C-alpha atoms as a PDB file:
ATOM      1  CA  UNK A   1     -39.172  -2.431 -33.816  1.00  0.00           C
ATOM      2  CA  UNK A   2     -35.811  -4.120 -33.487  1.00  0.00           C
ATOM      3  CA  UNK A   3     -35.506  -3.158 -29.799  1.00  0.00           C
ATOM      4  CA  UNK A   4     -38.958  -4.321 -28.773  1.00  0.00           C
ATOM      5  CA  UNK A   5     -37.875  -7.586 -27.172  1.00  0.00           C
ATOM      6  CA  UNK A   6     -34.819  -6.080 -25.523  1.00  0.00           C
ATOM      7  CA  UNK A   7     -36.077  -2.779 -24.128  1.00  0.00           C
ATOM      8  CA  UNK A   8     -38.170  -2.118 -20.984  1.00  0.00           C
ATOM      9  CA  UNK A   9     -38.646   0.443 -18.230  1.00  0.00           C
ATOM     10  CA  UNK A  10     -38.187  -0.993 -14.772  1.00  0.00           C
ATOM     11  CA  UNK A  11     -40.018   0.841 -11.960  1.00  0.00           C
ATOM     12  CA  UNK A  12     -38.685  -0.162  -8.585  1.00  0.00           C
ATOM     13  CA  UNK A  13     -40.625   1.069  -5.606  1.00  0.00           C
ATOM     14  CA  UNK A  14     -38.102   0.027  -3.017  1.00  0.00           C
ATOM     15  CA  UNK A  15     -37.563   0.469   0.724  1.00  0.00           C
ATOM     16  CA  UNK A  16     -35.983   3.918   0.653  1.00  0.00           C
ATOM     17  CA  UNK A  17     -36.296   5.164  -2.934  1.00  0.00           C
ATOM     18  CA  UNK A  18     -38.260   4.732  -6.130  1.00  0.00           C
ATOM     19  CA  UNK A  19     -36.376   4.419  -9.396  1.00  0.00           C
ATOM     20  CA  UNK A  20     -37.580   4.517 -13.031  1.00  0.00           C
ATOM     21  CA  UNK A  21     -34.786   2.889 -15.015  1.00  0.00           C
ATOM     22  CA  UNK A  22     -34.787   2.393 -18.821  1.00  0.00           C
ATOM     23  CA  UNK A  23     -33.071  -0.941 -19.746  1.00  0.00           C
ATOM     24  CA  UNK A  24     -31.777  -1.795 -23.212  1.00  0.00           C
ATOM     25  CA  UNK A  25     -30.279  -5.211 -23.961  1.00  0.00           C
ATOM     26  CA  UNK A  26     -29.785  -5.918 -20.175  1.00  0.00           C
ATOM     27  CA  UNK A  27     -27.960  -2.620 -19.640  1.00  0.00           C
ATOM     28  CA  UNK A  28     -29.358   0.313 -17.737  1.00  0.00           C
ATOM     29  CA  UNK A  29     -29.402   3.595 -19.596  1.00  0.00           C
ATOM     30  CA  UNK A  30     -27.988   5.691 -16.701  1.00  0.00           C
ATOM     31  CA  UNK A  31     -28.791   9.001 -18.359  1.00  0.00           C
ATOM     32  CA  UNK A  32     -32.432   8.109 -18.266  1.00  0.00           C
ATOM     33  CA  UNK A  33     -32.677   6.939 -14.585  1.00  0.00           C
ATOM     34  CA  UNK A  34     -34.967   9.099 -12.468  1.00  0.00           C
ATOM     35  CA  UNK A  35     -35.377   8.843  -8.720  1.00  0.00           C
ATOM     36  CA  UNK A  36     -38.024   9.710  -6.189  1.00  0.00           C
ATOM     37  CA  UNK A  37     -36.964  10.078  -2.574  1.00  0.00           C
ATOM     38  CA  UNK A  38     -39.968   8.050  -1.456  1.00  0.00           C
ATOM     39  CA  UNK A  39     -40.254   4.387  -0.728  1.00  0.00           C
ATOM     40  CA  UNK A  40     -41.772   1.850   1.612  1.00  0.00           C
ATOM     41  CA  UNK A  41     -39.959   3.378   4.652  1.00  0.00           C
ATOM     42  CA  UNK A  42     -41.414   6.842   3.991  1.00  0.00           C
ATOM     43  CA  UNK A  43     -44.918   5.318   3.725  1.00  0.00           C
ATOM     44  CA  UNK A  44     -44.498   3.428   6.994  1.00  0.00           C
ATOM     45  CA  UNK A  45     -43.223   6.572   8.769  1.00  0.00           C
ATOM     46  CA  UNK A  46     -46.121   8.598   7.413  1.00  0.00           C
ATOM     47  CA  UNK A  47     -48.602   6.082   8.740  1.00  0.00           C
ATOM     48  CA  UNK A  48     -46.853   6.035  12.091  1.00  0.00           C
ATOM     49  CA  UNK A  49     -47.287   9.823  12.324  1.00  0.00           C
ATOM     50  CA  UNK A  50     -50.922   9.729  11.388  1.00  0.00           C
ATOM     51  CA  UNK A  51     -51.731   6.984  13.912  1.00  0.00           C
ATOM     52  CA  UNK A  52     -49.691   8.624  16.652  1.00  0.00           C
ATOM     53  CA  UNK A  53     -51.412  11.959  16.093  1.00  0.00           C
ATOM     54  CA  UNK A  54     -54.966  10.634  15.952  1.00  0.00           C
ATOM     55  CA  UNK A  55     -55.029   7.504  18.168  1.00  0.00           C
ATOM     56  CA  UNK A  56     -51.995   6.348  20.225  1.00  0.00           C
ATOM     57  CA  UNK A  57     -48.209   6.656  20.090  1.00  0.00           C
ATOM     58  CA  UNK A  58     -46.771   3.963  17.792  1.00  0.00           C
ATOM     59  CA  UNK A  59     -43.618   5.783  16.732  1.00  0.00           C
ATOM     60  CA  UNK A  60     -41.437   2.950  18.030  1.00  0.00           C
ATOM     61  CA  UNK A  61     -43.593   0.152  16.572  1.00  0.00           C
ATOM     62  CA  UNK A  62     -42.143  -0.027  13.034  1.00  0.00           C
ATOM     63  CA  UNK A  63     -42.731  -3.749  12.515  1.00  0.00           C
ATOM     64  CA  UNK A  64     -46.332  -3.519  13.622  1.00  0.00           C
ATOM     65  CA  UNK A  65     -47.105  -0.505  11.457  1.00  0.00           C
ATOM     66  CA  UNK A  66     -45.472  -2.224   8.502  1.00  0.00           C
ATOM     67  CA  UNK A  67     -47.794  -5.172   9.082  1.00  0.00           C
ATOM     68  CA  UNK A  68     -50.850  -2.881   9.324  1.00  0.00           C
ATOM     69  CA  UNK A  69     -49.797  -1.025   6.121  1.00  0.00           C
ATOM     70  CA  UNK A  70     -49.406  -4.221   4.206  1.00  0.00           C
ATOM     71  CA  UNK A  71     -52.766  -5.682   5.314  1.00  0.00           C
ATOM     72  CA  UNK A  72     -54.990  -2.611   5.357  1.00  0.00           C
ATOM     73  CA  UNK A  73     -53.602  -0.008   2.895  1.00  0.00           C
ATOM     74  CA  UNK A  74     -54.587   0.173  -0.775  1.00  0.00           C
ATOM     75  CA  UNK A  75     -54.391   2.564  -3.743  1.00  0.00           C
ATOM     76  CA  UNK A  76     -57.587   4.610  -4.296  1.00  0.00           C
ATOM     77  CA  UNK A  77     -59.117   4.919  -7.759  1.00  0.00           C
ATOM     78  CA  UNK A  78     -61.706   7.324  -6.424  1.00  0.00           C
ATOM     79  CA  UNK A  79     -60.438   9.434  -3.532  1.00  0.00           C
ATOM     80  CA  UNK A  80     -63.726  11.393  -2.908  1.00  0.00           C
ATOM     81  CA  UNK A  81     -65.703   8.142  -2.877  1.00  0.00           C
ATOM     82  CA  UNK A  82     -63.259   6.278  -0.696  1.00  0.00           C
ATOM     83  CA  UNK A  83     -63.415   9.050   1.914  1.00  0.00           C
ATOM     84  CA  UNK A  84     -66.544   7.237   3.148  1.00  0.00           C
ATOM     85  CA  UNK A  85     -64.695   4.012   3.975  1.00  0.00           C
ATOM     86  CA  UNK A  86     -65.804   1.740   6.812  1.00  0.00           C
ATOM     87  CA  UNK A  87     -63.447   1.930   9.754  1.00  0.00           C
ATOM     88  CA  UNK A  88     -61.012  -0.903  10.246  1.00  0.00           C
ATOM     89  CA  UNK A  89     -59.145  -1.615  13.501  1.00  0.00           C
ATOM     90  CA  UNK A  90     -55.701  -3.047  14.034  1.00  0.00           C
ATOM     91  CA  UNK A  91     -55.067  -4.778  17.391  1.00  0.00           C
ATOM     92  CA  UNK A  92     -51.669  -4.361  18.974  1.00  0.00           C
ATOM     93  CA  UNK A  93     -50.116  -7.411  20.775  1.00  0.00           C
ATOM     94  CA  UNK A  94     -50.281  -7.458  24.584  1.00  0.00           C
ATOM     95  CA  UNK A  95     -47.511  -9.993  24.988  1.00  0.00           C
ATOM     96  CA  UNK A  96     -49.762 -12.402  26.837  1.00  0.00           C
ATOM     97  CA  UNK A  97     -52.865 -13.361  24.836  1.00  0.00           C
ATOM     98  CA  UNK A  98     -51.673 -12.131  21.453  1.00  0.00           C
ATOM     99  CA  UNK A  99     -47.988 -12.291  20.468  1.00  0.00           C
ATOM    100  CA  UNK A 100     -48.499 -10.519  17.124  1.00  0.00           C
ATOM    101  CA  UNK A 101     -50.658  -7.652  15.905  1.00  0.00           C
ATOM    102  CA  UNK A 102     -53.654  -8.447  13.656  1.00  0.00           C
ATOM    103  CA  UNK A 103     -56.527  -6.913  11.823  1.00  0.00           C
ATOM    104  CA  UNK A 104     -59.668  -7.024  13.893  1.00  0.00           C
ATOM    105  CA  UNK A 105     -62.042  -7.758  11.006  1.00  0.00           C
ATOM    106  CA  UNK A 106     -60.148  -9.019   7.951  1.00  0.00           C
ATOM    107  CA  UNK A 107     -63.335  -9.567   5.929  1.00  0.00           C
ATOM    108  CA  UNK A 108     -64.220  -5.891   6.287  1.00  0.00           C
ATOM    109  CA  UNK A 109     -60.707  -4.848   5.311  1.00  0.00           C
ATOM    110  CA  UNK A 110     -60.668  -7.057   2.285  1.00  0.00           C
ATOM    111  CA  UNK A 111     -63.969  -5.658   1.067  1.00  0.00           C
ATOM    112  CA  UNK A 112     -62.265  -2.405   0.135  1.00  0.00           C
ATOM    113  CA  UNK A 113     -58.885  -3.832  -0.839  1.00  0.00           C
ATOM    114  CA  UNK A 114     -60.553  -6.107  -3.511  1.00  0.00           C
ATOM    115  CA  UNK A 115     -57.798  -8.701  -3.336  1.00  0.00           C
ATOM    116  CA  UNK A 116     -58.289 -11.710  -5.570  1.00  0.00           C
ATOM    117  CA  UNK A 117     -57.349 -14.151  -2.696  1.00  0.00           C
ATOM    118  CA  UNK A 118     -60.047 -13.030  -0.286  1.00  0.00           C
ATOM    119  CA  UNK A 119     -60.735 -16.643   0.725  1.00  0.00           C
ATOM    120  CA  UNK A 120     -56.999 -17.464   1.364  1.00  0.00           C
ATOM    121  CA  UNK A 121     -56.394 -16.626   5.041  1.00  0.00           C
ATOM    122  CA  UNK A 122     -52.722 -17.615   4.807  1.00  0.00           C
ATOM    123  CA  UNK A 123     -51.885 -14.705   2.515  1.00  0.00           C
ATOM    124  CA  UNK A 124     -52.834 -12.299   5.199  1.00  0.00           C
ATOM    125  CA  UNK A 125     -51.223 -13.961   8.247  1.00  0.00           C
ATOM    126  CA  UNK A 126     -54.599 -14.996   9.677  1.00  0.00           C
ATOM    127  CA  UNK A 127     -55.282 -18.312  11.413  1.00  0.00           C
ATOM    128  CA  UNK A 128     -58.717 -19.548  10.243  1.00  0.00           C
ATOM    129  CA  UNK A 129     -59.359 -21.241  13.609  1.00  0.00           C
ATOM    130  CA  UNK A 130     -58.659 -18.009  15.460  1.00  0.00           C
ATOM    131  CA  UNK A 131     -60.198 -15.423  13.144  1.00  0.00           C
ATOM    132  CA  UNK A 132     -63.580 -15.506  14.884  1.00  0.00           C
ATOM    133  CA  UNK A 133     -61.962 -15.088  18.326  1.00  0.00           C
ATOM    134  CA  UNK A 134     -59.875 -12.168  17.092  1.00  0.00           C
ATOM    135  CA  UNK A 135     -62.881 -10.337  15.777  1.00  0.00           C
ATOM    136  CA  UNK A 136     -64.218 -10.413  19.373  1.00  0.00           C
ATOM    137  CA  UNK A 137     -61.206  -8.652  20.819  1.00  0.00           C
ATOM    138  CA  UNK A 138     -62.103  -6.437  23.677  1.00  0.00           C
ATOM    139  CA  UNK A 139     -62.105  -2.686  23.197  1.00  0.00           C
ATOM    140  CA  UNK A 140     -59.924  -2.305  26.264  1.00  0.00           C
ATOM    141  CA  UNK A 141     -57.014  -3.723  24.327  1.00  0.00           C
ATOM    142  CA  UNK A 142     -54.607  -1.399  22.536  1.00  0.00           C
ATOM    143  CA  UNK A 143     -55.888  -0.804  19.041  1.00  0.00           C
ATOM    144  CA  UNK A 144     -55.926   1.943  16.491  1.00  0.00           C
ATOM    145  CA  UNK A 145     -58.501   2.697  13.809  1.00  0.00           C
ATOM    146  CA  UNK A 146     -57.644   3.485  10.197  1.00  0.00           C
ATOM    147  CA  UNK A 147     -60.088   5.216   7.826  1.00  0.00           C
ATOM    148  CA  UNK A 148     -58.772   7.433   4.999  1.00  0.00           C
ATOM    149  CA  UNK A 149     -55.229   6.690   6.141  1.00  0.00           C
ATOM    150  CA  UNK A 150     -55.613   3.396   4.341  1.00  0.00           C
ATOM    151  CA  UNK A 151     -55.289   5.152   0.963  1.00  0.00           C
ATOM    152  CA  UNK A 152     -53.661   8.395   1.925  1.00  0.00           C
ATOM    153  CA  UNK A 153     -50.387   6.554   2.714  1.00  0.00           C
ATOM    154  CA  UNK A 154     -49.951   5.040  -0.837  1.00  0.00           C
ATOM    155  CA  UNK A 155     -51.175   8.334  -2.253  1.00  0.00           C
ATOM    156  CA  UNK A 156     -47.739   9.732  -1.344  1.00  0.00           C
ATOM    157  CA  UNK A 157     -46.260   7.923  -4.401  1.00  0.00           C
ATOM    158  CA  UNK A 158     -48.709   9.425  -6.830  1.00  0.00           C
ATOM    159  CA  UNK A 159     -49.193  12.977  -5.501  1.00  0.00           C
ATOM    160  CA  UNK A 160     -46.444  13.772  -2.990  1.00  0.00           C
ATOM    161  CA  UNK A 161     -46.974  17.570  -3.496  1.00  0.00           C
ATOM    162  CA  UNK A 162     -50.442  17.247  -1.916  1.00  0.00           C
ATOM    163  CA  UNK A 163     -48.693  16.176   1.337  1.00  0.00           C
ATOM    164  CA  UNK A 164     -46.122  18.981   1.261  1.00  0.00           C
ATOM    165  CA  UNK A 165     -43.371  16.955  -0.375  1.00  0.00           C
ATOM    166  CA  UNK A 166     -41.857  18.964  -3.247  1.00  0.00           C
ATOM    167  CA  UNK A 167     -41.369  16.108  -5.691  1.00  0.00           C
ATOM    168  CA  UNK A 168     -42.914  14.798  -8.902  1.00  0.00           C
ATOM    169  CA  UNK A 169     -45.302  11.874  -8.626  1.00  0.00           C
ATOM    170  CA  UNK A 170     -44.533   8.364  -9.963  1.00  0.00           C
ATOM    171  CA  UNK A 171     -46.235   8.860 -13.268  1.00  0.00           C
ATOM    172  CA  UNK A 172     -44.306  12.042 -13.987  1.00  0.00           C
ATOM    173  CA  UNK A 173     -41.073  10.349 -12.861  1.00  0.00           C
ATOM    174  CA  UNK A 174     -41.645   7.599 -15.393  1.00  0.00           C
ATOM    175  CA  UNK A 175     -42.311  10.073 -18.179  1.00  0.00           C
ATOM    176  CA  UNK A 176     -39.163  12.018 -17.448  1.00  0.00           C
ATOM    177  CA  UNK A 177     -37.153   8.777 -17.535  1.00  0.00           C
ATOM    178  CA  UNK A 178     -38.577   7.801 -20.902  1.00  0.00           C
ATOM    179  CA  UNK A 179     -38.236  11.249 -22.460  1.00  0.00           C
ATOM    180  CA  UNK A 180     -34.529  11.251 -21.539  1.00  0.00           C
ATOM    181  CA  UNK A 181     -34.011   8.345 -23.959  1.00  0.00           C
ATOM    182  CA  UNK A 182     -33.835   8.304 -27.781  1.00  0.00           C
ATOM    183  CA  UNK A 183     -37.182   9.015 -29.442  1.00  0.00           C
ATOM    184  CA  UNK A 184     -37.031   5.586 -31.157  1.00  0.00           C
ATOM    185  CA  UNK A 185     -37.009   3.913 -27.768  1.00  0.00           C
ATOM    186  CA  UNK A 186     -39.801   5.873 -26.147  1.00  0.00           C
ATOM    187  CA  UNK A 187     -42.842   4.092 -27.533  1.00  0.00           C
ATOM    188  CA  UNK A 188     -41.206   0.737 -26.728  1.00  0.00           C
ATOM    189  CA  UNK A 189     -40.493   1.795 -23.132  1.00  0.00           C
ATOM    190  CA  UNK A 190     -44.017   2.889 -22.478  1.00  0.00           C
ATOM    191  CA  UNK A 191     -45.204  -0.470 -23.781  1.00  0.00           C
ATOM    192  CA  UNK A 192     -42.918  -2.427 -21.489  1.00  0.00           C
ATOM    193  CA  UNK A 193     -43.118  -1.007 -17.967  1.00  0.00           C
ATOM    194  CA  UNK A 194     -42.231  -3.574 -15.323  1.00  0.00           C
ATOM    195  CA  UNK A 195     -43.130  -2.996 -11.685  1.00  0.00           C
ATOM    196  CA  UNK A 196     -40.963  -4.352  -8.826  1.00  0.00           C
ATOM    197  CA  UNK A 197     -40.576  -3.533  -5.085  1.00  0.00           C
ATOM    198  CA  UNK A 198     -42.855  -4.215  -2.173  1.00  0.00           C
ATOM    199  CA  UNK A 199     -44.894  -1.035  -2.547  1.00  0.00           C
ATOM    200  CA  UNK A 200     -46.284  -2.289  -5.925  1.00  0.00           C
ATOM    201  CA  UNK A 201     -48.238  -4.982  -3.951  1.00  0.00           C
ATOM    202  CA  UNK A 202     -50.797  -2.385  -2.833  1.00  0.00           C
ATOM    203  CA  UNK A 203     -54.127  -3.414  -4.372  1.00  0.00           C
ATOM    204  CA  UNK A 204     -55.100  -1.270  -7.393  1.00  0.00           C
ATOM    205  CA  UNK A 205     -51.536  -0.036  -7.752  1.00  0.00           C
ATOM    206  CA  UNK A 206     -51.196  -0.977 -11.431  1.00  0.00           C
ATOM    207  CA  UNK A 207     -54.626   0.338 -12.377  1.00  0.00           C
ATOM    208  CA  UNK A 208     -53.976   3.665 -10.645  1.00  0.00           C
ATOM    209  CA  UNK A 209     -50.596   4.099 -12.238  1.00  0.00           C
ATOM    210  CA  UNK A 210     -51.940   3.454 -15.697  1.00  0.00           C
ATOM    211  CA  UNK A 211     -54.728   5.996 -15.101  1.00  0.00           C
ATOM    212  CA  UNK A 212     -52.202   8.599 -13.974  1.00  0.00           C
ATOM    213  CA  UNK A 213     -49.811   7.800 -16.815  1.00  0.00           C
ATOM    214  CA  UNK A 214     -52.200   7.725 -19.759  1.00  0.00           C
ATOM    215  CA  UNK A 215     -52.807  11.550 -19.962  1.00  0.00           C
ATOM    216  CA  UNK A 216     -49.079  12.181 -19.919  1.00  0.00           C
ATOM    217  CA  UNK A 217     -48.298   9.834 -22.816  1.00  0.00           C
ATOM    218  CA  UNK A 218     -48.887  10.665 -26.491  1.00  0.00           C
ATOM    219  CA  UNK A 219     -52.149   9.208 -27.764  1.00  0.00           C
ATOM    220  CA  UNK A 220     -50.478   7.094 -30.384  1.00  0.00           C
ATOM    221  CA  UNK A 221     -48.285   5.314 -27.813  1.00  0.00           C
ATOM    222  CA  UNK A 222     -49.516   2.227 -26.012  1.00  0.00           C
ATOM    223  CA  UNK A 223     -49.056   1.900 -22.294  1.00  0.00           C
ATOM    224  CA  UNK A 224     -48.600  -1.584 -20.889  1.00  0.00           C
ATOM    225  CA  UNK A 225     -47.688  -2.138 -17.231  1.00  0.00           C
ATOM    226  CA  UNK A 226     -46.815  -5.574 -15.790  1.00  0.00           C
ATOM    227  CA  UNK A 227     -45.786  -6.533 -12.263  1.00  0.00           C
ATOM    228  CA  UNK A 228     -43.296  -9.197 -11.350  1.00  0.00           C
ATOM    229  CA  UNK A 229     -44.701 -12.365  -9.809  1.00  0.00           C
ATOM    230  CA  UNK A 230     -42.804 -11.706  -6.625  1.00  0.00           C
ATOM    231  CA  UNK A 231     -41.763  -8.037  -6.689  1.00  0.00           C
ATOM    232  CA  UNK A 232     -40.332  -7.991  -3.189  1.00  0.00           C
ATOM    233  CA  UNK A 233     -37.421 -10.162  -4.254  1.00  0.00           C
ATOM    234  CA  UNK A 234     -37.026  -8.736  -7.771  1.00  0.00           C
ATOM    235  CA  UNK A 235     -33.953  -6.591  -6.860  1.00  0.00           C
ATOM    236  CA  UNK A 236     -32.399  -9.477  -5.021  1.00  0.00           C
ATOM    237  CA  UNK A 237     -32.797 -11.832  -7.965  1.00  0.00           C
ATOM    238  CA  UNK A 238     -31.328  -9.245 -10.343  1.00  0.00           C
ATOM    239  CA  UNK A 239     -28.353  -8.709  -8.025  1.00  0.00           C
ATOM    240  CA  UNK A 240     -27.834 -12.465  -7.784  1.00  0.00           C
ATOM    241  CA  UNK A 241     -27.852 -12.886 -11.581  1.00  0.00           C
ATOM    242  CA  UNK A 242     -25.432 -10.000 -11.975  1.00  0.00           C
ATOM    243  CA  UNK A 243     -23.065 -11.262  -9.288  1.00  0.00           C
ATOM    244  CA  UNK A 244     -22.928 -14.733 -10.868  1.00  0.00           C
ATOM    245  CA  UNK A 245     -22.177 -13.381 -14.413  1.00  0.00           C
ATOM    246  CA  UNK A 246     -18.534 -13.730 -15.709  1.00  0.00           C
ATOM    247  CA  UNK A 247     -18.333  -9.995 -16.356  1.00  0.00           C
ATOM    248  CA  UNK A 248     -19.150  -9.005 -12.813  1.00  0.00           C
ATOM    249  CA  UNK A 249     -15.588  -8.456 -11.632  1.00  0.00           C
ATOM    250  CA  UNK A 250     -14.955  -6.044 -14.431  1.00  0.00           C
ATOM    251  CA  UNK A 251     -17.910  -3.899 -13.282  1.00  0.00           C
ATOM    252  CA  UNK A 252     -16.804  -3.573  -9.645  1.00  0.00           C
ATOM    253  CA  UNK A 253     -14.844  -0.904  -7.855  1.00  0.00           C
ATOM    254  CA  UNK A 254     -11.900  -2.397  -6.006  1.00  0.00           C
ATOM    255  CA  UNK A 255     -11.182  -1.608  -2.395  1.00  0.00           C
ATOM    256  CA  UNK A 256      -8.001   0.252  -3.282  1.00  0.00           C
ATOM    257  CA  UNK A 257      -9.798   2.320  -5.911  1.00  0.00           C
ATOM    258  CA  UNK A 258     -12.505   3.318  -3.400  1.00  0.00           C
ATOM    259  CA  UNK A 259      -9.958   4.147  -0.718  1.00  0.00           C
ATOM    260  CA  UNK A 260      -8.069   6.346  -3.177  1.00  0.00           C
ATOM    261  CA  UNK A 261     -11.022   8.314  -4.677  1.00  0.00           C
ATOM    262  CA  UNK A 262     -14.054   7.465  -2.516  1.00  0.00           C
ATOM    263  CA  UNK A 263     -17.595   7.802  -3.758  1.00  0.00           C
ATOM    264  CA  UNK A 264     -16.439   9.990  -6.692  1.00  0.00           C
ATOM    265  CA  UNK A 265     -14.976   6.831  -8.293  1.00  0.00           C
ATOM    266  CA  UNK A 266     -18.377   5.134  -8.079  1.00  0.00           C
ATOM    267  CA  UNK A 267     -20.200   8.045  -9.645  1.00  0.00           C
ATOM    268  CA  UNK A 268     -17.717   8.203 -12.475  1.00  0.00           C
ATOM    269  CA  UNK A 269     -17.988   4.468 -13.193  1.00  0.00           C
ATOM    270  CA  UNK A 270     -21.717   3.947 -12.807  1.00  0.00           C
ATOM    271  CA  UNK A 271     -23.399   7.287 -13.573  1.00  0.00           C
ATOM    272  CA  UNK A 272     -21.360   8.769 -16.392  1.00  0.00           C
END
């Protein structure tokens, strides 16, 4: 196909929202963009609610819960089987002995996350010299235990309706974005799905998305999903490239235009 090297579907699981955006020759096909009102912030808030309800009040500890989410949560490929997970504890800082929160037993946590860098302690914020001491943290310290929350939190992206959120899941969002494009582009888009955004770093995310997507895609279409090398900074890099292009000024809304027409001017320029 003539568009094969110039067409892709970018799935951005960002901080506040998740977007599936068809891109052709470096231009976004705005009519095909689909959005989910779920992102990393919603996952963190959901984990805060679960921990506060079951263990201790951490509603004001956003940074700590973000850290626990990134180190302990993963995407489940077998929800019934993973319901029998071993418990994992996260130790909260006391401001004296420990300045930062940490996972009580990182080896146990990694056993279920199946990360490829299980031997690299730097990737998980763990100091090798102190890991043994941290495993011996006293039970009197503030800590909360995660079990099925470890995969129920990322599950929001795939089946939000199961948690009372009336939205389509990520796989269905992708299919709707592709189906809004020309039929000639659809097989190429399914074969070039690019993941970006911090939430795509959950272990097993790509495998689970492909498993959810395959039944929704025609059998004669291939499904190929790739993730950026550093998905957290993907949006920043794209914005940086766009801002440095010579055509950037012609794409912008001026201050006087915005003051005259407000957000309606932005919608007319960018979404129509």
